Amino acid sequence: DAAFNMVVIADRAGRIEWTNRAFTEVTGYTREEAQGMRPGDLLRSGIHDSSFYDSMWETISSGKVWHSEITNRKKDGTHYPEAMTITPIKDEDNRITHFIAIKRDLTEEKAREENHMRAQRLESIGFLAGGIAHDLNNALAPILMSVDLLRRDDLSTEDREEILESIQLSAKRGAAMVSQILDFARGV
C-alpha cells in the first residue's frame, strides 16, 4: 500500500480486487469505487482503439507479461500518461488466478521531456537565426558597398553596369533566402 507506483490486483476475469493508495491519489477513485470494476470501465481514455486493448488482453490471458505506455483517464475526466506492466499470477497448476498491474504516472516525466524539447527547439532557432543573419549580411554587403561606388563621377558606363549587375545578383540572393525562410515557416 505504501508503494510509490500504483498497484492494481484483478481476478481472472479482470475485475479489480485491490488497489493501493497511489492508485487513489493518481486516479481519484477510492479502493471501494474500484473494487469489482474492470480497469477499462474506470480508466479508459478513448485514445487507444479496441485492437490495443484486445492485444493487451490476449497477451496477459496467454500467461505473458504485457508492458507499454498508455493514456488513461482520471475520475475528473483528465487524461494522464502511464507506464504499465501487467503480470499474470498463476497457481500451482499453472492456471492464471489473478493479474497484477504496476502502473507509473508519467505526467511529470512527459512535462520535463516537453520542456527539454522546447528548449532544444529554441536553441536550434537561435542557431538558424544566426546563420540566416550571416547569409543575409553577405547578400546585402555588396549592395551597400556599391551605392558609394555608383556616386562617383569617374566610373565608366561599363563599370556602372557591372556594379548594377552585382547589386541585382545580391538582391536576388537575398530575396531567395527570404523566400526559403517563408517556405520553412509554412512547413514546406
C-alpha atoms as a PDB file:
ATOM      1  CA  ASP A   1       0.000   0.000   0.000  1.00  0.00           C
ATOM      2  CA  ALA A   2       2.971   2.332   0.591  1.00  0.00           C
ATOM      3  CA  ALA A   3       4.468   1.769  -2.887  1.00  0.00           C
ATOM      4  CA  PHE A   4       5.147   4.874  -4.967  1.00  0.00           C
ATOM      5  CA  ASN A   5       3.795   3.194  -8.110  1.00  0.00           C
ATOM      6  CA  MET A   6       0.125   2.338  -8.495  1.00  0.00           C
ATOM      7  CA  VAL A   7      -0.667  -1.324  -7.854  1.00  0.00           C
ATOM      8  CA  VAL A   8      -3.877  -2.982  -9.038  1.00  0.00           C
ATOM      9  CA  ILE A   9      -4.755  -6.628  -8.438  1.00  0.00           C
ATOM     10  CA  ALA A  10      -7.528  -8.070 -10.590  1.00  0.00           C
ATOM     11  CA  ASP A  11      -9.135 -11.513 -10.715  1.00  0.00           C
ATOM     12  CA  ARG A  12      -9.005 -13.849 -13.725  1.00  0.00           C
ATOM     13  CA  ALA A  13     -11.927 -12.004 -15.339  1.00  0.00           C
ATOM     14  CA  GLY A  14     -10.142  -8.675 -14.969  1.00  0.00           C
ATOM     15  CA  ARG A  15     -12.290  -7.295 -12.120  1.00  0.00           C
ATOM     16  CA  ILE A  16     -10.350  -5.215  -9.601  1.00  0.00           C
ATOM     17  CA  GLU A  17      -9.975  -6.832  -6.182  1.00  0.00           C
ATOM     18  CA  TRP A  18      -7.474  -4.420  -4.620  1.00  0.00           C
ATOM     19  CA  THR A  19      -5.684  -1.125  -5.296  1.00  0.00           C
ATOM     20  CA  ASN A  20      -3.060   0.720  -3.308  1.00  0.00           C
ATOM     21  CA  ARG A  21      -3.052   4.292  -2.027  1.00  0.00           C
ATOM     22  CA  ALA A  22      -1.060   5.578  -5.045  1.00  0.00           C
ATOM     23  CA  PHE A  23      -3.866   4.401  -7.347  1.00  0.00           C
ATOM     24  CA  THR A  24      -6.348   6.528  -5.407  1.00  0.00           C
ATOM     25  CA  GLU A  25      -4.027   9.535  -5.331  1.00  0.00           C
ATOM     26  CA  VAL A  26      -3.406   9.467  -9.089  1.00  0.00           C
ATOM     27  CA  THR A  27      -6.809   8.408 -10.458  1.00  0.00           C
ATOM     28  CA  GLY A  28      -9.140   9.921  -7.873  1.00  0.00           C
ATOM     29  CA  TYR A  29     -11.032   6.622  -7.437  1.00  0.00           C
ATOM     30  CA  THR A  30     -11.247   5.149  -3.964  1.00  0.00           C
ATOM     31  CA  ARG A  31     -10.442   1.497  -3.396  1.00  0.00           C
ATOM     32  CA  GLU A  32     -14.141   0.877  -2.756  1.00  0.00           C
ATOM     33  CA  GLU A  33     -15.164   2.554  -6.041  1.00  0.00           C
ATOM     34  CA  ALA A  34     -12.641   0.468  -7.977  1.00  0.00           C
ATOM     35  CA  GLN A  35     -13.437  -2.918  -6.421  1.00  0.00           C
ATOM     36  CA  GLY A  36     -15.430  -5.153  -8.738  1.00  0.00           C
ATOM     37  CA  MET A  37     -14.898  -2.861 -11.723  1.00  0.00           C
ATOM     38  CA  ARG A  38     -12.740  -3.560 -14.746  1.00  0.00           C
ATOM     39  CA  PRO A  39      -9.862  -1.076 -15.111  1.00  0.00           C
ATOM     40  CA  GLY A  40     -11.077  -0.135 -18.582  1.00  0.00           C
ATOM     41  CA  ASP A  41     -14.505   0.810 -17.211  1.00  0.00           C
ATOM     42  CA  LEU A  42     -12.855   3.314 -14.885  1.00  0.00           C
ATOM     43  CA  LEU A  43      -9.764   4.489 -16.721  1.00  0.00           C
ATOM     44  CA  ARG A  44     -10.243   4.036 -20.485  1.00  0.00           C
ATOM     45  CA  SER A  45      -9.398   7.348 -22.123  1.00  0.00           C
ATOM     46  CA  GLY A  46     -10.816   6.690 -25.579  1.00  0.00           C
ATOM     47  CA  ILE A  47      -7.438   7.467 -27.143  1.00  0.00           C
ATOM     48  CA  HIS A  48      -6.468   3.853 -27.852  1.00  0.00           C
ATOM     49  CA  ASP A  49      -8.513   1.755 -30.253  1.00  0.00           C
ATOM     50  CA  SER A  50     -10.060  -1.587 -29.331  1.00  0.00           C
ATOM     51  CA  SER A  51      -7.230  -3.533 -31.009  1.00  0.00           C
ATOM     52  CA  PHE A  52      -4.816  -2.035 -28.447  1.00  0.00           C
ATOM     53  CA  TYR A  53      -6.861  -3.470 -25.585  1.00  0.00           C
ATOM     54  CA  ASP A  54      -7.538  -6.745 -27.435  1.00  0.00           C
ATOM     55  CA  SER A  55      -3.790  -7.236 -27.861  1.00  0.00           C
ATOM     56  CA  MET A  56      -3.204  -6.454 -24.173  1.00  0.00           C
ATOM     57  CA  TRP A  57      -5.851  -8.946 -23.048  1.00  0.00           C
ATOM     58  CA  GLU A  58      -4.623 -11.617 -25.486  1.00  0.00           C
ATOM     59  CA  THR A  59      -1.069 -11.258 -24.159  1.00  0.00           C
ATOM     60  CA  ILE A  60      -1.922 -11.495 -20.470  1.00  0.00           C
ATOM     61  CA  SER A  61      -4.571 -14.194 -20.970  1.00  0.00           C
ATOM     62  CA  SER A  62      -1.914 -16.362 -22.603  1.00  0.00           C
ATOM     63  CA  GLY A  63       0.206 -16.040 -19.450  1.00  0.00           C
ATOM     64  CA  LYS A  64       2.692 -13.494 -20.774  1.00  0.00           C
ATOM     65  CA  VAL A  65       3.704 -10.191 -19.229  1.00  0.00           C
ATOM     66  CA  TRP A  66       2.423  -7.083 -21.020  1.00  0.00           C
ATOM     67  CA  HIS A  67       4.207  -3.728 -20.817  1.00  0.00           C
ATOM     68  CA  SER A  68       3.530  -0.446 -22.584  1.00  0.00           C
ATOM     69  CA  GLU A  69       2.785   3.231 -22.185  1.00  0.00           C
ATOM     70  CA  ILE A  70      -0.894   4.064 -22.138  1.00  0.00           C
ATOM     71  CA  THR A  71      -3.046   7.144 -21.741  1.00  0.00           C
ATOM     72  CA  ASN A  72      -5.707   6.707 -19.067  1.00  0.00           C
ATOM     73  CA  ARG A  73      -8.468   8.899 -17.655  1.00  0.00           C
ATOM     74  CA  LYS A  74      -8.813  10.088 -14.063  1.00  0.00           C
ATOM     75  CA  LYS A  75     -12.114  10.295 -12.221  1.00  0.00           C
ATOM     76  CA  ASP A  76     -12.299  14.025 -13.014  1.00  0.00           C
ATOM     77  CA  GLY A  77     -12.016  13.242 -16.745  1.00  0.00           C
ATOM     78  CA  THR A  78      -8.458  14.453 -17.295  1.00  0.00           C
ATOM     79  CA  HIS A  79      -6.060  12.212 -19.176  1.00  0.00           C
ATOM     80  CA  TYR A  80      -2.662  11.142 -17.907  1.00  0.00           C
ATOM     81  CA  PRO A  81       0.139   9.040 -19.393  1.00  0.00           C
ATOM     82  CA  GLU A  82       1.366   5.993 -17.556  1.00  0.00           C
ATOM     83  CA  ALA A  83       3.804   3.146 -17.967  1.00  0.00           C
ATOM     84  CA  MET A  84       2.042  -0.098 -17.133  1.00  0.00           C
ATOM     85  CA  THR A  85       3.195  -3.672 -16.652  1.00  0.00           C
ATOM     86  CA  ILE A  86       0.599  -6.400 -16.199  1.00  0.00           C
ATOM     87  CA  THR A  87       1.798  -9.749 -14.922  1.00  0.00           C
ATOM     88  CA  PRO A  88      -0.401 -12.847 -14.773  1.00  0.00           C
ATOM     89  CA  ILE A  89      -0.299 -14.658 -11.410  1.00  0.00           C
ATOM     90  CA  LYS A  90      -0.593 -18.455 -11.671  1.00  0.00           C
ATOM     91  CA  ASP A  91      -1.485 -21.172  -9.183  1.00  0.00           C
ATOM     92  CA  GLU A  92       0.391 -24.433  -8.613  1.00  0.00           C
ATOM     93  CA  ASP A  93      -1.422 -25.970 -11.620  1.00  0.00           C
ATOM     94  CA  ASN A  94      -0.123 -23.133 -13.833  1.00  0.00           C
ATOM     95  CA  ARG A  95      -3.599 -21.613 -14.216  1.00  0.00           C
ATOM     96  CA  ILE A  96      -3.960 -17.844 -14.141  1.00  0.00           C
ATOM     97  CA  THR A  97      -5.783 -16.749 -10.999  1.00  0.00           C
ATOM     98  CA  HIS A  98      -5.059 -13.019 -10.924  1.00  0.00           C
ATOM     99  CA  PHE A  99      -3.349 -10.186 -12.725  1.00  0.00           C
ATOM    100  CA  ILE A 100      -1.189  -7.616 -11.034  1.00  0.00           C
ATOM    101  CA  ALA A 101      -0.646  -4.263 -12.721  1.00  0.00           C
ATOM    102  CA  ILE A 102       2.191  -1.982 -11.708  1.00  0.00           C
ATOM    103  CA  LYS A 103       1.498   1.484 -13.059  1.00  0.00           C
ATOM    104  CA  ARG A 104       3.680   4.593 -13.021  1.00  0.00           C
ATOM    105  CA  ASP A 105       2.257   8.063 -13.686  1.00  0.00           C
ATOM    106  CA  LEU A 106       4.390   9.691 -16.401  1.00  0.00           C
ATOM    107  CA  THR A 107       2.822  13.171 -16.238  1.00  0.00           C
ATOM    108  CA  GLU A 108       5.842  14.941 -14.717  1.00  0.00           C
ATOM    109  CA  GLU A 109       8.318  12.967 -16.829  1.00  0.00           C
ATOM    110  CA  LYS A 110       6.443  13.876 -20.030  1.00  0.00           C
ATOM    111  CA  ALA A 111       6.319  17.537 -18.966  1.00  0.00           C
ATOM    112  CA  ARG A 112      10.101  17.529 -18.393  1.00  0.00           C
ATOM    113  CA  GLU A 113      10.626  15.906 -21.805  1.00  0.00           C
ATOM    114  CA  GLU A 114       8.408  18.537 -23.439  1.00  0.00           C
ATOM    115  CA  ASN A 115      10.295  21.371 -21.710  1.00  0.00           C
ATOM    116  CA  HIS A 116      13.597  19.856 -22.832  1.00  0.00           C
ATOM    117  CA  MET A 117      12.331  19.553 -26.425  1.00  0.00           C
ATOM    118  CA  ARG A 118      11.080  23.160 -26.311  1.00  0.00           C
ATOM    119  CA  ALA A 119      14.497  24.349 -25.087  1.00  0.00           C
ATOM    120  CA  GLN A 120      16.218  22.382 -27.867  1.00  0.00           C
ATOM    121  CA  ARG A 121      13.860  23.898 -30.465  1.00  0.00           C
ATOM    122  CA  LEU A 122      14.593  27.407 -29.171  1.00  0.00           C
ATOM    123  CA  GLU A 123      18.324  26.720 -29.268  1.00  0.00           C
ATOM    124  CA  SER A 124      18.008  25.426 -32.835  1.00  0.00           C
ATOM    125  CA  ILE A 125      16.014  28.501 -33.837  1.00  0.00           C
ATOM    126  CA  GLY A 126      18.770  30.671 -32.340  1.00  0.00           C
ATOM    127  CA  PHE A 127      21.434  28.898 -34.424  1.00  0.00           C
ATOM    128  CA  LEU A 128      19.204  29.124 -37.501  1.00  0.00           C
ATOM    129  CA  ALA A 129      18.604  32.854 -36.945  1.00  0.00           C
ATOM    130  CA  GLY A 130      22.365  33.439 -36.578  1.00  0.00           C
ATOM    131  CA  GLY A 131      23.043  31.612 -39.836  1.00  0.00           C
ATOM    132  CA  ILE A 132      20.286  33.493 -41.654  1.00  0.00           C
ATOM    133  CA  ALA A 133      21.564  36.838 -40.368  1.00  0.00           C
ATOM    134  CA  HIS A 134      25.075  35.974 -41.570  1.00  0.00           C
ATOM    135  CA  ASP A 135      23.849  34.907 -45.024  1.00  0.00           C
ATOM    136  CA  LEU A 136      21.625  37.980 -45.410  1.00  0.00           C
ATOM    137  CA  ASN A 137      24.506  40.199 -44.348  1.00  0.00           C
ATOM    138  CA  ASN A 138      26.638  38.577 -47.079  1.00  0.00           C
ATOM    139  CA  ALA A 139      23.894  39.296 -49.624  1.00  0.00           C
ATOM    140  CA  LEU A 140      23.396  42.918 -48.502  1.00  0.00           C
ATOM    141  CA  ALA A 141      27.073  43.891 -48.162  1.00  0.00           C
ATOM    142  CA  PRO A 142      27.742  44.137 -51.929  1.00  0.00           C
ATOM    143  CA  ILE A 143      24.612  46.268 -52.352  1.00  0.00           C
ATOM    144  CA  LEU A 144      25.615  48.703 -49.634  1.00  0.00           C
ATOM    145  CA  MET A 145      29.219  48.962 -50.877  1.00  0.00           C
ATOM    146  CA  SER A 146      28.051  49.502 -54.464  1.00  0.00           C
ATOM    147  CA  VAL A 147      25.950  52.541 -53.588  1.00  0.00           C
ATOM    148  CA  ASP A 148      29.075  54.534 -52.667  1.00  0.00           C
ATOM    149  CA  LEU A 149      30.810  53.425 -55.856  1.00  0.00           C
ATOM    150  CA  LEU A 150      27.876  54.489 -58.032  1.00  0.00           C
ATOM    151  CA  ARG A 151      28.003  58.011 -56.558  1.00  0.00           C
ATOM    152  CA  ARG A 152      31.481  58.522 -58.003  1.00  0.00           C
ATOM    153  CA  ASP A 153      31.707  60.581 -61.184  1.00  0.00           C
ATOM    154  CA  ASP A 154      34.777  58.847 -62.602  1.00  0.00           C
ATOM    155  CA  LEU A 155      33.077  55.463 -63.314  1.00  0.00           C
ATOM    156  CA  SER A 156      32.730  54.286 -66.864  1.00  0.00           C
ATOM    157  CA  THR A 157      29.410  53.037 -68.179  1.00  0.00           C
ATOM    158  CA  GLU A 158      30.863  49.546 -68.276  1.00  0.00           C
ATOM    159  CA  ASP A 159      31.857  49.749 -64.570  1.00  0.00           C
ATOM    160  CA  ARG A 160      28.410  51.094 -63.654  1.00  0.00           C
ATOM    161  CA  GLU A 161      26.743  48.169 -65.471  1.00  0.00           C
ATOM    162  CA  GLU A 162      28.992  45.703 -63.669  1.00  0.00           C
ATOM    163  CA  ILE A 163      28.134  47.254 -60.297  1.00  0.00           C
ATOM    164  CA  LEU A 164      24.419  47.270 -61.103  1.00  0.00           C
ATOM    165  CA  GLU A 165      24.679  43.600 -62.146  1.00  0.00           C
ATOM    166  CA  SER A 166      26.337  42.827 -58.780  1.00  0.00           C
ATOM    167  CA  ILE A 167      23.568  44.709 -56.922  1.00  0.00           C
ATOM    168  CA  GLN A 168      20.886  42.836 -58.832  1.00  0.00           C
ATOM    169  CA  LEU A 169      22.525  39.438 -58.189  1.00  0.00           C
ATOM    170  CA  SER A 170      22.902  40.194 -54.455  1.00  0.00           C
ATOM    171  CA  ALA A 171      19.297  41.401 -54.195  1.00  0.00           C
ATOM    172  CA  LYS A 172      18.079  38.193 -55.880  1.00  0.00           C
ATOM    173  CA  ARG A 173      20.145  36.082 -53.448  1.00  0.00           C
ATOM    174  CA  GLY A 174      18.609  37.968 -50.516  1.00  0.00           C
ATOM    175  CA  ALA A 175      15.083  37.575 -51.924  1.00  0.00           C
ATOM    176  CA  ALA A 176      15.669  33.839 -52.455  1.00  0.00           C
ATOM    177  CA  MET A 177      16.790  33.468 -48.823  1.00  0.00           C
ATOM    178  CA  VAL A 178      13.681  35.300 -47.587  1.00  0.00           C
ATOM    179  CA  SER A 179      11.542  33.032 -49.782  1.00  0.00           C
ATOM    180  CA  GLN A 180      13.221  29.934 -48.322  1.00  0.00           C
ATOM    181  CA  ILE A 181      12.659  31.225 -44.781  1.00  0.00           C
ATOM    182  CA  LEU A 182       8.970  31.801 -45.533  1.00  0.00           C
ATOM    183  CA  ASP A 183       8.675  28.306 -47.057  1.00  0.00           C
ATOM    184  CA  PHE A 184      10.320  26.850 -43.960  1.00  0.00           C
ATOM    185  CA  ALA A 185       7.963  28.803 -41.692  1.00  0.00           C
ATOM    186  CA  ARG A 186       4.957  27.421 -43.611  1.00  0.00           C
ATOM    187  CA  GLY A 187       6.326  23.887 -43.263  1.00  0.00           C
ATOM    188  CA  VAL A 188       7.174  23.450 -46.948  1.00  0.00           C
END
